[in-house]
Amino acid sequence: MAKYLVTGGAGFIGSNIVGELVARGEDVVVFDDLSTGHEKNLEGFGSEIEFIKGDIRRSDEVRAAMRGIDHVLHQAALASVPRSIDDPVLVNDVNINGTLTVLEEAKNAGVKSLVYAASSSAYGETEQLPKTEDILPHPLSPYAVTKLVGEYYCSVYSQVYGLPTISMRYFNVFGPKQDPASQYAAVIPIFISHLLKGKAPTIYGDGKQSRDFTYVKNVVNANIAASKCGKASGQMINVACGGKYTLNELYSMLSRLIGVDIDPVYAETRPGDVKHSHADITMAEDLFDYSVEVPFEEGLKRTVDWYRKGA
């Protein structure tokens, strides 16, 4: 049994990771300030986890949470491109200063590995598709900048201090426990929640922009595998399904799954949005035997079923 610290463990991705770790019999500490995460995401775990309410920017709180930890899965962040455009200073503070604090305390605690939740937004707009890890980053939003800086800090902590880190560039993760109520909610929970209520969601742009939508179970598996990898320290690695779907295609698929026929509302493209996103996942496959356990369409079905039960 290993002891894991999951920062942001009450959030969407973090709580899914926590659930899998508990199912595997691992020792789990959850660290979250509940600013965007929810305690309800941890319901059912009870005494199987230790929950610490804390801020990743506070060294003393992070230091206390690191005691006895083998592996850190650093998911805590203020996500969302629009949020970063609205408040770049706060997003910078949490995502960069918070990540630096986590790295420093992980180094001091002598943890065996740290897996960092990076983002495909670091690539920005590139002509090359699918996107490989050697493409020069070109972030288009403050959020993308903060996640890219976090990658660089992880790499430096590996090279300079010998802290084993891996940065996982997530591509449009979706699934159960993703909050549709936030003003910065992602597209899939917004579409599903609107369609279940018989309301027309908004598509920003012409809907022809494409995404490599990645069901959360694949990301969970990748995090745990990477934590035990023992190689690729300091690397940035794509985690996705390796597919490409437009928002219009996504909307049509969800409409069929939910059984409604509602025309979406189209609006102006939002600043900072990337036109196309499609991952090459060869490096993850080679380094820690990553595979897509749940394909996109199956993930959509599971996600719709989960939201139906909660509706």
C-alpha atoms as a PDB file:
ATOM      1  CA  MET A   1       0.000   0.000   0.000  1.00  0.00           C
ATOM      2  CA  ALA A   2       1.276   3.453  -0.968  1.00  0.00           C
ATOM      3  CA  LYS A   3       0.205   6.757   0.531  1.00  0.00           C
ATOM      4  CA  TYR A   4      -1.122   9.319  -1.953  1.00  0.00           C
ATOM      5  CA  LEU A   5      -1.764  13.035  -1.548  1.00  0.00           C
ATOM      6  CA  VAL A   6      -4.358  14.309  -4.026  1.00  0.00           C
ATOM      7  CA  THR A   7      -4.432  18.105  -4.138  1.00  0.00           C
ATOM      8  CA  GLY A   8      -7.761  19.358  -5.411  1.00  0.00           C
ATOM      9  CA  GLY A   9      -9.153  15.975  -4.426  1.00  0.00           C
ATOM     10  CA  ALA A  10     -12.684  17.316  -3.897  1.00  0.00           C
ATOM     11  CA  GLY A  11     -12.832  18.583  -7.459  1.00  0.00           C
ATOM     12  CA  PHE A  12     -14.043  16.821 -10.586  1.00  0.00           C
ATOM     13  CA  ILE A  13     -10.893  15.000 -11.698  1.00  0.00           C
ATOM     14  CA  GLY A  14      -9.397  14.811  -8.216  1.00  0.00           C
ATOM     15  CA  SER A  15     -12.418  13.078  -6.674  1.00  0.00           C
ATOM     16  CA  ASN A  16     -12.498  10.537  -9.487  1.00  0.00           C
ATOM     17  CA  ILE A  17      -8.830   9.802  -8.793  1.00  0.00           C
ATOM     18  CA  VAL A  18      -9.574   9.468  -5.079  1.00  0.00           C
ATOM     19  CA  GLY A  19     -12.346   6.969  -5.798  1.00  0.00           C
ATOM     20  CA  GLU A  20     -10.047   4.769  -7.856  1.00  0.00           C
ATOM     21  CA  LEU A  21      -7.242   4.916  -5.297  1.00  0.00           C
ATOM     22  CA  VAL A  22      -9.650   3.894  -2.538  1.00  0.00           C
ATOM     23  CA  ALA A  23     -10.945   1.049  -4.706  1.00  0.00           C
ATOM     24  CA  ARG A  24      -7.348  -0.149  -5.149  1.00  0.00           C
ATOM     25  CA  GLY A  25      -6.782  -0.130  -1.394  1.00  0.00           C
ATOM     26  CA  GLU A  26      -4.312   2.755  -1.329  1.00  0.00           C
ATOM     27  CA  ASP A  27      -3.900   5.185   1.580  1.00  0.00           C
ATOM     28  CA  VAL A  28      -5.322   8.551   0.476  1.00  0.00           C
ATOM     29  CA  VAL A  29      -5.025  12.116   1.789  1.00  0.00           C
ATOM     30  CA  VAL A  30      -7.218  14.735   0.113  1.00  0.00           C
ATOM     31  CA  PHE A  31      -6.099  18.379   0.237  1.00  0.00           C
ATOM     32  CA  ASP A  32      -8.606  20.972  -0.999  1.00  0.00           C
ATOM     33  CA  ASP A  33      -9.734  24.476  -0.033  1.00  0.00           C
ATOM     34  CA  LEU A  34     -13.235  23.785  -1.436  1.00  0.00           C
ATOM     35  CA  SER A  35     -13.188  26.995  -3.488  1.00  0.00           C
ATOM     36  CA  THR A  36     -14.243  25.055  -6.577  1.00  0.00           C
ATOM     37  CA  GLY A  37     -14.365  21.490  -5.245  1.00  0.00           C
ATOM     38  CA  HIS A  38     -17.288  20.041  -3.272  1.00  0.00           C
ATOM     39  CA  GLU A  39     -17.409  17.845  -0.193  1.00  0.00           C
ATOM     40  CA  LYS A  40     -20.295  15.936  -1.792  1.00  0.00           C
ATOM     41  CA  ASN A  41     -17.774  14.585  -4.323  1.00  0.00           C
ATOM     42  CA  LEU A  42     -16.131  12.700  -1.448  1.00  0.00           C
ATOM     43  CA  GLU A  43     -19.336  11.245  -0.003  1.00  0.00           C
ATOM     44  CA  GLY A  44     -19.158   7.510   0.513  1.00  0.00           C
ATOM     45  CA  PHE A  45     -15.430   7.397   1.252  1.00  0.00           C
ATOM     46  CA  GLY A  46     -15.839   8.119   4.969  1.00  0.00           C
ATOM     47  CA  SER A  47     -12.910   6.951   7.061  1.00  0.00           C
ATOM     48  CA  GLU A  48     -11.202   5.475   3.993  1.00  0.00           C
ATOM     49  CA  ILE A  49      -9.623   8.858   3.285  1.00  0.00           C
ATOM     50  CA  GLU A  50      -8.136  11.705   5.303  1.00  0.00           C
ATOM     51  CA  PHE A  51      -9.491  15.108   4.296  1.00  0.00           C
ATOM     52  CA  ILE A  52      -7.469  18.261   4.951  1.00  0.00           C
ATOM     53  CA  LYS A  53      -8.976  21.646   4.123  1.00  0.00           C
ATOM     54  CA  GLY A  54      -6.110  23.827   3.022  1.00  0.00           C
ATOM     55  CA  ASP A  55      -4.713  26.255   0.470  1.00  0.00           C
ATOM     56  CA  ILE A  56      -1.887  25.141  -1.841  1.00  0.00           C
ATOM     57  CA  ARG A  57      -0.374  28.619  -1.543  1.00  0.00           C
ATOM     58  CA  ARG A  58       0.231  28.167   2.205  1.00  0.00           C
ATOM     59  CA  SER A  59       3.523  26.382   2.834  1.00  0.00           C
ATOM     60  CA  ASP A  60       2.675  25.370   6.393  1.00  0.00           C
ATOM     61  CA  GLU A  61      -0.592  23.713   5.362  1.00  0.00           C
ATOM     62  CA  VAL A  62       0.975  21.896   2.412  1.00  0.00           C
ATOM     63  CA  ARG A  63       3.945  20.815   4.545  1.00  0.00           C
ATOM     64  CA  ALA A  64       1.649  19.227   7.111  1.00  0.00           C
ATOM     65  CA  ALA A  65      -0.258  17.368   4.398  1.00  0.00           C
ATOM     66  CA  MET A  66       2.984  15.994   2.886  1.00  0.00           C
ATOM     67  CA  ARG A  67       4.052  14.037   5.970  1.00  0.00           C
ATOM     68  CA  GLY A  68       4.500  10.372   5.133  1.00  0.00           C
ATOM     69  CA  ILE A  69       3.368  10.794   1.519  1.00  0.00           C
ATOM     70  CA  ASP A  70       4.785   8.534  -1.206  1.00  0.00           C
ATOM     71  CA  HIS A  71       3.116  10.028  -4.286  1.00  0.00           C
ATOM     72  CA  VAL A  72       1.547  13.426  -5.007  1.00  0.00           C
ATOM     73  CA  LEU A  73      -1.157  13.810  -7.662  1.00  0.00           C
ATOM     74  CA  HIS A  74      -1.368  17.591  -8.026  1.00  0.00           C
ATOM     75  CA  GLN A  75      -4.790  18.436  -9.451  1.00  0.00           C
ATOM     76  CA  ALA A  76      -5.510  21.641  -7.525  1.00  0.00           C
ATOM     77  CA  ALA A  77      -5.906  24.699  -9.759  1.00  0.00           C
ATOM     78  CA  LEU A  78      -8.273  27.411 -10.848  1.00  0.00           C
ATOM     79  CA  ALA A  79      -9.255  25.982 -14.204  1.00  0.00           C
ATOM     80  CA  SER A  80     -11.038  27.577 -17.192  1.00  0.00           C
ATOM     81  CA  VAL A  81      -9.824  29.928 -19.895  1.00  0.00           C
ATOM     82  CA  PRO A  82     -12.692  32.435 -19.371  1.00  0.00           C
ATOM     83  CA  ARG A  83     -12.005  32.599 -15.624  1.00  0.00           C
ATOM     84  CA  SER A  84      -8.357  33.427 -16.295  1.00  0.00           C
ATOM     85  CA  ILE A  85      -9.342  36.204 -18.686  1.00  0.00           C
ATOM     86  CA  ASP A  86     -11.707  37.642 -16.060  1.00  0.00           C
ATOM     87  CA  ASP A  87      -9.186  37.410 -13.211  1.00  0.00           C
ATOM     88  CA  PRO A  88      -5.635  36.686 -14.441  1.00  0.00           C
ATOM     89  CA  VAL A  89      -3.966  37.794 -11.199  1.00  0.00           C
ATOM     90  CA  LEU A  90      -5.857  35.324  -8.994  1.00  0.00           C
ATOM     91  CA  VAL A  91      -5.427  32.465 -11.472  1.00  0.00           C
ATOM     92  CA  ASN A  92      -1.699  33.233 -11.674  1.00  0.00           C
ATOM     93  CA  ASP A  93      -1.398  33.247  -7.893  1.00  0.00           C
ATOM     94  CA  VAL A  94      -3.156  29.915  -7.373  1.00  0.00           C
ATOM     95  CA  ASN A  95      -1.843  28.011 -10.372  1.00  0.00           C
ATOM     96  CA  ILE A  96       1.772  29.187 -10.368  1.00  0.00           C
ATOM     97  CA  ASN A  97       2.533  30.123  -6.755  1.00  0.00           C
ATOM     98  CA  GLY A  98       0.431  27.240  -5.485  1.00  0.00           C
ATOM     99  CA  THR A  99       2.179  24.737  -7.726  1.00  0.00           C
ATOM    100  CA  LEU A 100       5.582  26.068  -6.718  1.00  0.00           C
ATOM    101  CA  THR A 101       4.639  25.636  -3.058  1.00  0.00           C
ATOM    102  CA  VAL A 102       3.505  22.047  -3.673  1.00  0.00           C
ATOM    103  CA  LEU A 103       6.750  21.250  -5.507  1.00  0.00           C
ATOM    104  CA  GLU A 104       8.915  22.783  -2.787  1.00  0.00           C
ATOM    105  CA  GLU A 105       7.176  20.880  -0.003  1.00  0.00           C
ATOM    106  CA  ALA A 106       7.168  17.640  -2.023  1.00  0.00           C
ATOM    107  CA  LYS A 107      10.920  18.044  -2.522  1.00  0.00           C
ATOM    108  CA  ASN A 108      11.477  18.677   1.175  1.00  0.00           C
ATOM    109  CA  ALA A 109       9.308  15.694   2.112  1.00  0.00           C
ATOM    110  CA  GLY A 110      11.246  13.368  -0.212  1.00  0.00           C
ATOM    111  CA  VAL A 111       8.207  12.012  -2.053  1.00  0.00           C
ATOM    112  CA  LYS A 112       8.753   9.291  -4.643  1.00  0.00           C
ATOM    113  CA  SER A 113       6.856  11.036  -7.445  1.00  0.00           C
ATOM    114  CA  LEU A 114       4.717  14.040  -8.279  1.00  0.00           C
ATOM    115  CA  VAL A 115       2.237  13.979 -11.162  1.00  0.00           C
ATOM    116  CA  TYR A 116       1.100  17.425 -12.294  1.00  0.00           C
ATOM    117  CA  ALA A 117      -2.203  18.178 -14.019  1.00  0.00           C
ATOM    118  CA  ALA A 118      -0.971  20.166 -17.016  1.00  0.00           C
ATOM    119  CA  SER A 119      -3.144  21.266 -19.920  1.00  0.00           C
ATOM    120  CA  SER A 120      -3.332  20.928 -23.696  1.00  0.00           C
ATOM    121  CA  SER A 121      -4.103  24.663 -23.719  1.00  0.00           C
ATOM    122  CA  ALA A 122      -0.325  25.175 -23.547  1.00  0.00           C
ATOM    123  CA  TYR A 123      -0.105  24.267 -27.250  1.00  0.00           C
ATOM    124  CA  GLY A 124      -2.377  27.094 -28.318  1.00  0.00           C
ATOM    125  CA  GLU A 125      -3.152  27.346 -32.022  1.00  0.00           C
ATOM    126  CA  THR A 126      -0.858  25.092 -34.029  1.00  0.00           C
ATOM    127  CA  GLU A 127      -1.154  23.862 -37.590  1.00  0.00           C
ATOM    128  CA  GLN A 128       0.142  20.408 -36.719  1.00  0.00           C
ATOM    129  CA  LEU A 129      -2.487  17.814 -35.818  1.00  0.00           C
ATOM    130  CA  PRO A 130      -2.358  15.607 -33.895  1.00  0.00           C
ATOM    131  CA  LYS A 131      -0.338  17.579 -31.366  1.00  0.00           C
ATOM    132  CA  THR A 132       2.905  15.974 -30.237  1.00  0.00           C
ATOM    133  CA  GLU A 133       4.830  16.920 -27.112  1.00  0.00           C
ATOM    134  CA  ASP A 134       7.714  18.451 -29.071  1.00  0.00           C
ATOM    135  CA  ILE A 135       5.585  21.259 -30.535  1.00  0.00           C
ATOM    136  CA  LEU A 136       6.667  24.701 -29.345  1.00  0.00           C
ATOM    137  CA  PRO A 137       4.014  25.944 -26.879  1.00  0.00           C
ATOM    138  CA  HIS A 138       1.998  28.997 -27.858  1.00  0.00           C
ATOM    139  CA  PRO A 139      -0.494  29.732 -25.044  1.00  0.00           C
ATOM    140  CA  LEU A 140      -3.449  31.957 -25.929  1.00  0.00           C
ATOM    141  CA  SER A 141      -4.837  32.686 -22.460  1.00  0.00           C
ATOM    142  CA  PRO A 142      -3.599  33.500 -18.957  1.00  0.00           C
ATOM    143  CA  TYR A 143      -4.786  30.047 -17.857  1.00  0.00           C
ATOM    144  CA  ALA A 144      -2.653  28.371 -20.517  1.00  0.00           C
ATOM    145  CA  VAL A 145       0.351  30.421 -19.426  1.00  0.00           C
ATOM    146  CA  THR A 146      -0.065  29.373 -15.801  1.00  0.00           C
ATOM    147  CA  LYS A 147      -0.308  25.685 -16.667  1.00  0.00           C
ATOM    148  CA  LEU A 148       2.743  25.915 -18.920  1.00  0.00           C
ATOM    149  CA  VAL A 149       4.772  27.624 -16.189  1.00  0.00           C
ATOM    150  CA  GLY A 150       3.772  24.791 -13.860  1.00  0.00           C
ATOM    151  CA  GLU A 151       5.225  22.315 -16.366  1.00  0.00           C
ATOM    152  CA  TYR A 152       8.478  24.227 -16.488  1.00  0.00           C
ATOM    153  CA  TYR A 153       8.709  24.304 -12.695  1.00  0.00           C
ATOM    154  CA  CYS A 154       8.103  20.548 -12.567  1.00  0.00           C
ATOM    155  CA  SER A 155      10.852  19.962 -15.108  1.00  0.00           C
ATOM    156  CA  VAL A 156      13.267  22.222 -13.231  1.00  0.00           C
ATOM    157  CA  TYR A 157      12.534  20.513  -9.910  1.00  0.00           C
ATOM    158  CA  SER A 158      13.356  17.192 -11.576  1.00  0.00           C
ATOM    159  CA  GLN A 159      16.588  18.440 -13.132  1.00  0.00           C
ATOM    160  CA  VAL A 160      17.871  20.593 -10.280  1.00  0.00           C
ATOM    161  CA  TYR A 161      16.541  18.870  -7.172  1.00  0.00           C
ATOM    162  CA  GLY A 162      15.979  15.299  -8.354  1.00  0.00           C
ATOM    163  CA  LEU A 163      12.249  15.330  -7.602  1.00  0.00           C
ATOM    164  CA  PRO A 164      10.578  12.811  -9.945  1.00  0.00           C
ATOM    165  CA  THR A 165       7.798  14.707 -11.771  1.00  0.00           C
ATOM    166  CA  ILE A 166       5.600  14.052 -14.787  1.00  0.00           C
ATOM    167  CA  SER A 167       3.334  16.694 -16.330  1.00  0.00           C
ATOM    168  CA  MET A 168       0.164  15.281 -17.876  1.00  0.00           C
ATOM    169  CA  ARG A 169      -1.289  17.484 -20.593  1.00  0.00           C
ATOM    170  CA  TYR A 170      -5.025  16.828 -20.278  1.00  0.00           C
ATOM    171  CA  PHE A 171      -7.241  17.201 -23.326  1.00  0.00           C
ATOM    172  CA  ASN A 172     -10.832  18.297 -22.549  1.00  0.00           C
ATOM    173  CA  VAL A 173     -11.621  15.920 -19.714  1.00  0.00           C
ATOM    174  CA  PHE A 174     -15.280  15.116 -19.008  1.00  0.00           C
ATOM    175  CA  GLY A 175     -17.341  12.713 -16.935  1.00  0.00           C
ATOM    176  CA  PRO A 176     -19.217  12.251 -13.636  1.00  0.00           C
ATOM    177  CA  LYS A 177     -18.869  14.903 -10.923  1.00  0.00           C
ATOM    178  CA  GLN A 178     -18.070  17.695 -13.385  1.00  0.00           C
ATOM    179  CA  ASP A 179     -19.982  20.753 -12.179  1.00  0.00           C
ATOM    180  CA  PRO A 180     -22.437  22.202 -14.754  1.00  0.00           C
ATOM    181  CA  ALA A 181     -23.546  25.032 -12.448  1.00  0.00           C
ATOM    182  CA  SER A 182     -20.368  27.112 -12.430  1.00  0.00           C
ATOM    183  CA  GLN A 183     -20.229  30.138 -14.718  1.00  0.00           C
ATOM    184  CA  TYR A 184     -16.949  28.643 -15.944  1.00  0.00           C
ATOM    185  CA  ALA A 185     -18.304  25.137 -16.520  1.00  0.00           C
ATOM    186  CA  ALA A 186     -16.951  23.038 -19.397  1.00  0.00           C
ATOM    187  CA  VAL A 187     -18.944  22.451 -22.552  1.00  0.00           C
ATOM    188  CA  ILE A 188     -20.120  18.857 -22.013  1.00  0.00           C
ATOM    189  CA  PRO A 189     -21.769  19.330 -18.595  1.00  0.00           C
ATOM    190  CA  ILE A 190     -23.354  22.562 -19.842  1.00  0.00           C
ATOM    191  CA  PHE A 191     -24.772  20.861 -22.941  1.00  0.00           C
ATOM    192  CA  ILE A 192     -26.070  17.889 -20.943  1.00  0.00           C
ATOM    193  CA  SER A 193     -27.637  19.942 -18.146  1.00  0.00           C
ATOM    194  CA  HIS A 194     -29.384  22.241 -20.626  1.00  0.00           C
ATOM    195  CA  LEU A 195     -30.683  19.426 -22.827  1.00  0.00           C
ATOM    196  CA  LEU A 196     -31.993  17.461 -19.839  1.00  0.00           C
ATOM    197  CA  LYS A 197     -33.981  20.570 -18.884  1.00  0.00           C
ATOM    198  CA  GLY A 198     -35.212  21.117 -22.440  1.00  0.00           C
ATOM    199  CA  LYS A 199     -33.181  24.308 -22.815  1.00  0.00           C
ATOM    200  CA  ALA A 200     -30.999  25.425 -25.723  1.00  0.00           C
ATOM    201  CA  PRO A 201     -27.291  25.725 -24.811  1.00  0.00           C
ATOM    202  CA  THR A 202     -24.934  28.239 -26.401  1.00  0.00           C
ATOM    203  CA  ILE A 203     -22.174  27.248 -28.816  1.00  0.00           C
ATOM    204  CA  TYR A 204     -19.484  29.899 -29.050  1.00  0.00           C
ATOM    205  CA  GLY A 205     -18.256  30.235 -32.626  1.00  0.00           C
ATOM    206  CA  ASP A 206     -19.540  28.203 -35.568  1.00  0.00           C
ATOM    207  CA  GLY A 207     -19.325  24.844 -33.776  1.00  0.00           C
ATOM    208  CA  LYS A 208     -16.744  23.558 -36.221  1.00  0.00           C
ATOM    209  CA  GLN A 209     -13.936  23.819 -33.671  1.00  0.00           C
ATOM    210  CA  SER A 210     -12.767  20.359 -32.665  1.00  0.00           C
ATOM    211  CA  ARG A 211     -11.677  18.793 -29.389  1.00  0.00           C
ATOM    212  CA  ASP A 212     -10.054  15.560 -28.226  1.00  0.00           C
ATOM    213  CA  PHE A 213     -12.666  14.862 -25.546  1.00  0.00           C
ATOM    214  CA  THR A 214     -11.260  12.532 -22.883  1.00  0.00           C
ATOM    215  CA  TYR A 215     -13.394  10.529 -20.463  1.00  0.00           C
ATOM    216  CA  VAL A 216     -12.163  10.993 -16.909  1.00  0.00           C
ATOM    217  CA  LYS A 217     -11.476   7.295 -16.212  1.00  0.00           C
ATOM    218  CA  ASN A 218      -8.650   7.422 -18.763  1.00  0.00           C
ATOM    219  CA  VAL A 219      -7.089  10.389 -16.970  1.00  0.00           C
ATOM    220  CA  VAL A 220      -7.438   8.633 -13.610  1.00  0.00           C
ATOM    221  CA  ASN A 221      -5.650   5.552 -14.930  1.00  0.00           C
ATOM    222  CA  ALA A 222      -2.901   7.694 -16.447  1.00  0.00           C
ATOM    223  CA  ASN A 223      -2.237   9.524 -13.174  1.00  0.00           C
ATOM    224  CA  ILE A 224      -1.859   6.353 -11.158  1.00  0.00           C
ATOM    225  CA  ALA A 225       0.272   4.641 -13.813  1.00  0.00           C
ATOM    226  CA  ALA A 226       2.526   7.690 -14.134  1.00  0.00           C
ATOM    227  CA  SER A 227       3.012   7.881 -10.362  1.00  0.00           C
ATOM    228  CA  LYS A 228       4.542   4.402 -10.444  1.00  0.00           C
ATOM    229  CA  CYS A 229       6.343   4.824 -13.761  1.00  0.00           C
ATOM    230  CA  GLY A 230       9.855   5.388 -12.428  1.00  0.00           C
ATOM    231  CA  LYS A 231      10.971   7.017 -15.674  1.00  0.00           C
ATOM    232  CA  ALA A 232      10.200  10.049 -17.845  1.00  0.00           C
ATOM    233  CA  SER A 233      10.980  12.388 -14.953  1.00  0.00           C
ATOM    234  CA  GLY A 234      10.566  16.016 -15.991  1.00  0.00           C
ATOM    235  CA  GLN A 235       8.617  15.105 -19.140  1.00  0.00           C
ATOM    236  CA  MET A 236       5.370  16.600 -20.474  1.00  0.00           C
ATOM    237  CA  ILE A 237       3.013  13.901 -21.763  1.00  0.00           C
ATOM    238  CA  ASN A 238      -0.328  14.063 -23.597  1.00  0.00           C
ATOM    239  CA  VAL A 239      -3.276  12.295 -21.989  1.00  0.00           C
ATOM    240  CA  ALA A 240      -6.299  11.998 -24.253  1.00  0.00           C
ATOM    241  CA  CYS A 241      -8.297   9.600 -26.407  1.00  0.00           C
ATOM    242  CA  GLY A 242      -6.464  10.502 -29.610  1.00  0.00           C
ATOM    243  CA  GLY A 243      -9.675  11.458 -31.435  1.00  0.00           C
ATOM    244  CA  LYS A 244     -11.238  14.630 -32.807  1.00  0.00           C
ATOM    245  CA  TYR A 245     -14.876  15.774 -32.685  1.00  0.00           C
ATOM    246  CA  THR A 246     -16.403  19.148 -33.495  1.00  0.00           C
ATOM    247  CA  LEU A 247     -18.748  20.858 -31.059  1.00  0.00           C
ATOM    248  CA  ASN A 248     -21.538  20.426 -33.603  1.00  0.00           C
ATOM    249  CA  GLU A 249     -20.880  16.680 -33.703  1.00  0.00           C
ATOM    250  CA  LEU A 250     -20.791  16.573 -29.906  1.00  0.00           C
ATOM    251  CA  TYR A 251     -24.117  18.409 -29.733  1.00  0.00           C
ATOM    252  CA  SER A 252     -25.768  16.035 -32.200  1.00  0.00           C
ATOM    253  CA  MET A 253     -24.518  12.980 -30.292  1.00  0.00           C
ATOM    254  CA  LEU A 254     -25.765  14.313 -26.963  1.00  0.00           C
ATOM    255  CA  SER A 255     -29.127  15.245 -28.472  1.00  0.00           C
ATOM    256  CA  ARG A 256     -29.558  11.680 -29.703  1.00  0.00           C
ATOM    257  CA  LEU A 257     -28.474  10.165 -26.386  1.00  0.00           C
ATOM    258  CA  ILE A 258     -30.837  12.380 -24.401  1.00  0.00           C
ATOM    259  CA  GLY A 259     -33.642  12.115 -26.969  1.00  0.00           C
ATOM    260  CA  VAL A 260     -34.322  15.788 -27.651  1.00  0.00           C
ATOM    261  CA  ASP A 261     -34.416  17.975 -30.746  1.00  0.00           C
ATOM    262  CA  ILE A 262     -33.443  21.502 -29.746  1.00  0.00           C
ATOM    263  CA  ASP A 263     -31.471  23.922 -31.901  1.00  0.00           C
ATOM    264  CA  PRO A 264     -28.468  25.424 -30.091  1.00  0.00           C
ATOM    265  CA  VAL A 265     -27.839  29.148 -29.866  1.00  0.00           C
ATOM    266  CA  TYR A 266     -24.669  30.333 -31.620  1.00  0.00           C
ATOM    267  CA  ALA A 267     -22.654  33.259 -30.263  1.00  0.00           C
ATOM    268  CA  GLU A 268     -19.376  35.018 -30.977  1.00  0.00           C
ATOM    269  CA  THR A 269     -16.151  33.064 -30.441  1.00  0.00           C
ATOM    270  CA  ARG A 270     -14.679  33.669 -26.994  1.00  0.00           C
ATOM    271  CA  PRO A 271     -11.160  35.101 -26.627  1.00  0.00           C
ATOM    272  CA  GLY A 272      -8.496  32.535 -25.781  1.00  0.00           C
ATOM    273  CA  ASP A 273     -10.359  29.592 -27.323  1.00  0.00           C
ATOM    274  CA  VAL A 274      -8.312  27.239 -29.490  1.00  0.00           C
ATOM    275  CA  LYS A 275      -9.812  26.224 -32.840  1.00  0.00           C
ATOM    276  CA  HIS A 276      -8.632  22.611 -33.003  1.00  0.00           C
ATOM    277  CA  SER A 277      -7.242  20.189 -30.425  1.00  0.00           C
ATOM    278  CA  HIS A 278      -6.202  16.613 -31.181  1.00  0.00           C
ATOM    279  CA  ALA A 279      -3.570  14.628 -29.267  1.00  0.00           C
ATOM    280  CA  ASP A 280      -0.885  12.178 -30.233  1.00  0.00           C
ATOM    281  CA  ILE A 281      -0.812   9.764 -27.261  1.00  0.00           C
ATOM    282  CA  THR A 282       2.134   7.627 -28.391  1.00  0.00           C
ATOM    283  CA  MET A 283       4.460   8.849 -25.635  1.00  0.00           C
ATOM    284  CA  ALA A 284       2.027   7.884 -22.857  1.00  0.00           C
ATOM    285  CA  GLU A 285       1.495   4.496 -24.479  1.00  0.00           C
ATOM    286  CA  ASP A 286       5.244   3.900 -24.660  1.00  0.00           C
ATOM    287  CA  LEU A 287       6.264   5.228 -21.240  1.00  0.00           C
ATOM    288  CA  PHE A 288       3.638   3.775 -18.917  1.00  0.00           C
ATOM    289  CA  ASP A 289       1.463   1.529 -21.099  1.00  0.00           C
ATOM    290  CA  TYR A 290      -1.376   4.051 -21.270  1.00  0.00           C
ATOM    291  CA  SER A 291      -4.426   2.892 -23.175  1.00  0.00           C
ATOM    292  CA  VAL A 292      -7.891   4.325 -23.772  1.00  0.00           C
ATOM    293  CA  GLU A 293     -10.031   2.163 -21.512  1.00  0.00           C
ATOM    294  CA  VAL A 294     -13.214   4.168 -22.164  1.00  0.00           C
ATOM    295  CA  PRO A 295     -13.635   5.562 -25.714  1.00  0.00           C
ATOM    296  CA  PHE A 296     -15.308   8.912 -26.299  1.00  0.00           C
ATOM    297  CA  GLU A 297     -18.802   7.696 -27.255  1.00  0.00           C
ATOM    298  CA  GLU A 298     -18.967   5.210 -24.375  1.00  0.00           C
ATOM    299  CA  GLY A 299     -17.800   7.953 -22.041  1.00  0.00           C
ATOM    300  CA  LEU A 300     -20.604  10.218 -23.265  1.00  0.00           C
ATOM    301  CA  LYS A 301     -23.183   7.514 -22.530  1.00  0.00           C
ATOM    302  CA  ARG A 302     -21.828   6.988 -19.010  1.00  0.00           C
ATOM    303  CA  THR A 303     -21.766  10.731 -18.381  1.00  0.00           C
ATOM    304  CA  VAL A 304     -25.337  11.285 -19.561  1.00  0.00           C
ATOM    305  CA  ASP A 305     -26.496   8.383 -17.373  1.00  0.00           C
ATOM    306  CA  TRP A 306     -24.762   9.931 -14.347  1.00  0.00           C
ATOM    307  CA  TYR A 307     -26.372  13.341 -14.889  1.00  0.00           C
ATOM    308  CA  ARG A 308     -29.786  11.736 -15.466  1.00  0.00           C
ATOM    309  CA  LYS A 309     -29.577  10.076 -12.048  1.00  0.00           C
ATOM    310  CA  GLY A 310     -28.757  13.386 -10.435  1.00  0.00           C
ATOM    311  CA  ALA A 311     -31.326  15.393 -12.355  1.00  0.00           C
END
